[in-house]
Each structure stands twice: as structure tokens, then as C-alpha cells.
Amino acid sequence: MRSPSWPRTSTRRPRDCSSYSHVERIVHGWRRMERLAETREAARQYAGRALHVAHDEDGSVVIRGRLTPEIGALLLRSNRPMRWL
């Protein structure tokens, strides 16, 4: 719907209407930023991973670590049969 201030004979579009290519550029930029954020998060997780193994005074083994979510899930799944110990 045209506003009263917009002449009926004008073929120009109002400035606040977005063209398809403009919306496409915004969506493309948004997706690019999301990919960059995911890459940064994966790099941060990878850089922060660590595994420390030590022997306690009584001879028991102490394991402390920070793993990526995928590796942590694998470790937990592999230890399910040992939970009864």
C-alpha cells in the first residue's frame, strides 16, 4: 500500500523496501558469521583439550582432563561396561 506522500505516478520504490538481492546479502553474511563463530568455538575447544594422568599416594590412578564433546562422549560410552567396578 502506498503512503499518501508517495506520488501515484512515481515508479521509484520507497527506501525502506528491501530487494531480494539485499536480503540475500544479509542472509549470506549472517550464515558466514555463524560459520566463523562455529570454527572459532571448535578451535577454542581443540586448544583447550588436555589429559593429565597421575598416581596418588595410595597407588591409585588419578585422571583429570578436558576433552572435546565428541571425544568425551566416546570416553563415557566406552566406560559404561566398567561402571560396576
C-alpha atoms as a PDB file:
ATOM      1  CA  MET A   1       0.000   0.000   0.000  1.00  0.00           C
ATOM      2  CA  ARG A   2       1.345   3.408  -0.928  1.00  0.00           C
ATOM      3  CA  SER A   3       1.629   6.175   1.583  1.00  0.00           C
ATOM      4  CA  PRO A   4      -0.178   9.455   0.812  1.00  0.00           C
ATOM      5  CA  SER A   5       3.144  11.285   0.425  1.00  0.00           C
ATOM      6  CA  TRP A   6       4.269   8.947  -2.334  1.00  0.00           C
ATOM      7  CA  PRO A   7       3.063  10.156  -5.717  1.00  0.00           C
ATOM      8  CA  ARG A   8       0.954   7.659  -7.607  1.00  0.00           C
ATOM      9  CA  THR A   9       2.876   8.264 -10.823  1.00  0.00           C
ATOM     10  CA  SER A  10       6.270   7.531  -9.315  1.00  0.00           C
ATOM     11  CA  THR A  11       7.982   4.302 -10.357  1.00  0.00           C
ATOM     12  CA  ARG A  12      10.573   4.516  -7.583  1.00  0.00           C
ATOM     13  CA  ARG A  13      10.349   2.171  -4.654  1.00  0.00           C
ATOM     14  CA  PRO A  14      10.460   3.529  -1.122  1.00  0.00           C
ATOM     15  CA  ARG A  15      13.878   3.347   0.538  1.00  0.00           C
ATOM     16  CA  ASP A  16      12.715   1.065   3.331  1.00  0.00           C
ATOM     17  CA  CYS A  17      11.710  -1.754   0.946  1.00  0.00           C
ATOM     18  CA  SER A  18      14.389  -4.399   0.649  1.00  0.00           C
ATOM     19  CA  SER A  19      15.086  -6.069  -2.622  1.00  0.00           C
ATOM     20  CA  TYR A  20      15.665  -9.783  -2.912  1.00  0.00           C
ATOM     21  CA  SER A  21      19.384  -9.293  -3.519  1.00  0.00           C
ATOM     22  CA  HIS A  22      19.669  -7.100  -0.420  1.00  0.00           C
ATOM     23  CA  VAL A  23      18.000  -9.731   1.754  1.00  0.00           C
ATOM     24  CA  GLU A  24      20.140 -12.405   0.111  1.00  0.00           C
ATOM     25  CA  ARG A  25      23.321 -10.460   1.015  1.00  0.00           C
ATOM     26  CA  ILE A  26      22.164 -10.107   4.624  1.00  0.00           C
ATOM     27  CA  VAL A  27      21.378 -13.831   4.921  1.00  0.00           C
ATOM     28  CA  HIS A  28      24.702 -14.757   3.276  1.00  0.00           C
ATOM     29  CA  GLY A  29      26.583 -12.503   5.711  1.00  0.00           C
ATOM     30  CA  TRP A  30      24.695 -13.925   8.686  1.00  0.00           C
ATOM     31  CA  ARG A  31      25.475 -17.503   7.672  1.00  0.00           C
ATOM     32  CA  ARG A  32      29.131 -16.616   7.114  1.00  0.00           C
ATOM     33  CA  MET A  33      29.367 -15.128  10.602  1.00  0.00           C
ATOM     34  CA  GLU A  34      27.728 -18.241  12.071  1.00  0.00           C
ATOM     35  CA  ARG A  35      30.288 -20.467  10.309  1.00  0.00           C
ATOM     36  CA  LEU A  36      33.133 -18.302  11.578  1.00  0.00           C
ATOM     37  CA  ALA A  37      31.772 -18.448  15.133  1.00  0.00           C
ATOM     38  CA  GLU A  38      31.475 -22.241  14.937  1.00  0.00           C
ATOM     39  CA  THR A  39      35.045 -22.503  13.616  1.00  0.00           C
ATOM     40  CA  ARG A  40      36.349 -20.293  16.428  1.00  0.00           C
ATOM     41  CA  GLU A  41      34.485 -22.339  19.041  1.00  0.00           C
ATOM     42  CA  ALA A  42      35.853 -25.601  17.639  1.00  0.00           C
ATOM     43  CA  ALA A  43      39.389 -24.151  17.634  1.00  0.00           C
ATOM     44  CA  ARG A  44      38.957 -22.976  21.237  1.00  0.00           C
ATOM     45  CA  GLN A  45      37.768 -26.424  22.319  1.00  0.00           C
ATOM     46  CA  TYR A  46      40.622 -28.097  20.474  1.00  0.00           C
ATOM     47  CA  ALA A  47      43.233 -25.776  22.001  1.00  0.00           C
ATOM     48  CA  GLY A  48      41.782 -26.243  25.493  1.00  0.00           C
ATOM     49  CA  ARG A  49      41.848 -30.025  25.481  1.00  0.00           C
ATOM     50  CA  ALA A  50      44.142 -31.723  27.967  1.00  0.00           C
ATOM     51  CA  LEU A  51      44.556 -35.009  29.762  1.00  0.00           C
ATOM     52  CA  HIS A  52      46.515 -35.392  32.992  1.00  0.00           C
ATOM     53  CA  VAL A  53      47.256 -38.806  34.466  1.00  0.00           C
ATOM     54  CA  ALA A  54      48.974 -39.169  37.841  1.00  0.00           C
ATOM     55  CA  HIS A  55      49.438 -41.707  40.595  1.00  0.00           C
ATOM     56  CA  ASP A  56      48.044 -40.892  44.008  1.00  0.00           C
ATOM     57  CA  GLU A  57      49.799 -41.609  47.312  1.00  0.00           C
ATOM     58  CA  ASP A  58      47.954 -44.883  47.741  1.00  0.00           C
ATOM     59  CA  GLY A  59      48.864 -46.048  44.220  1.00  0.00           C
ATOM     60  CA  SER A  60      45.529 -45.313  42.566  1.00  0.00           C
ATOM     61  CA  VAL A  61      45.480 -43.564  39.215  1.00  0.00           C
ATOM     62  CA  VAL A  62      44.043 -40.054  39.028  1.00  0.00           C
ATOM     63  CA  ILE A  63      42.812 -38.891  35.621  1.00  0.00           C
ATOM     64  CA  ARG A  64      41.849 -35.278  35.012  1.00  0.00           C
ATOM     65  CA  GLY A  65      41.125 -33.771  31.632  1.00  0.00           C
ATOM     66  CA  ARG A  66      39.202 -31.572  29.278  1.00  0.00           C
ATOM     67  CA  LEU A  67      38.092 -33.236  26.063  1.00  0.00           C
ATOM     68  CA  THR A  68      36.147 -32.108  23.029  1.00  0.00           C
ATOM     69  CA  PRO A  69      32.448 -33.049  23.260  1.00  0.00           C
ATOM     70  CA  GLU A  70      32.825 -35.823  20.678  1.00  0.00           C
ATOM     71  CA  ILE A  71      35.832 -37.442  22.362  1.00  0.00           C
ATOM     72  CA  GLY A  72      34.219 -37.041  25.797  1.00  0.00           C
ATOM     73  CA  ALA A  73      31.104 -38.831  24.561  1.00  0.00           C
ATOM     74  CA  LEU A  74      33.255 -41.673  23.206  1.00  0.00           C
ATOM     75  CA  LEU A  75      35.089 -41.967  26.521  1.00  0.00           C
ATOM     76  CA  LEU A  76      31.851 -42.074  28.516  1.00  0.00           C
ATOM     77  CA  ARG A  77      30.330 -44.638  26.161  1.00  0.00           C
ATOM     78  CA  SER A  78      33.420 -46.842  26.344  1.00  0.00           C
ATOM     79  CA  ASN A  79      33.355 -46.742  30.169  1.00  0.00           C
ATOM     80  CA  ARG A  80      29.716 -47.812  30.551  1.00  0.00           C
ATOM     81  CA  PRO A  81      30.599 -51.509  30.935  1.00  0.00           C
ATOM     82  CA  MET A  82      33.077 -50.598  33.693  1.00  0.00           C
ATOM     83  CA  ARG A  83      30.607 -48.712  35.875  1.00  0.00           C
ATOM     84  CA  TRP A  84      30.027 -51.751  38.052  1.00  0.00           C
ATOM     85  CA  LEU A  85      33.660 -51.689  39.213  1.00  0.00           C
END
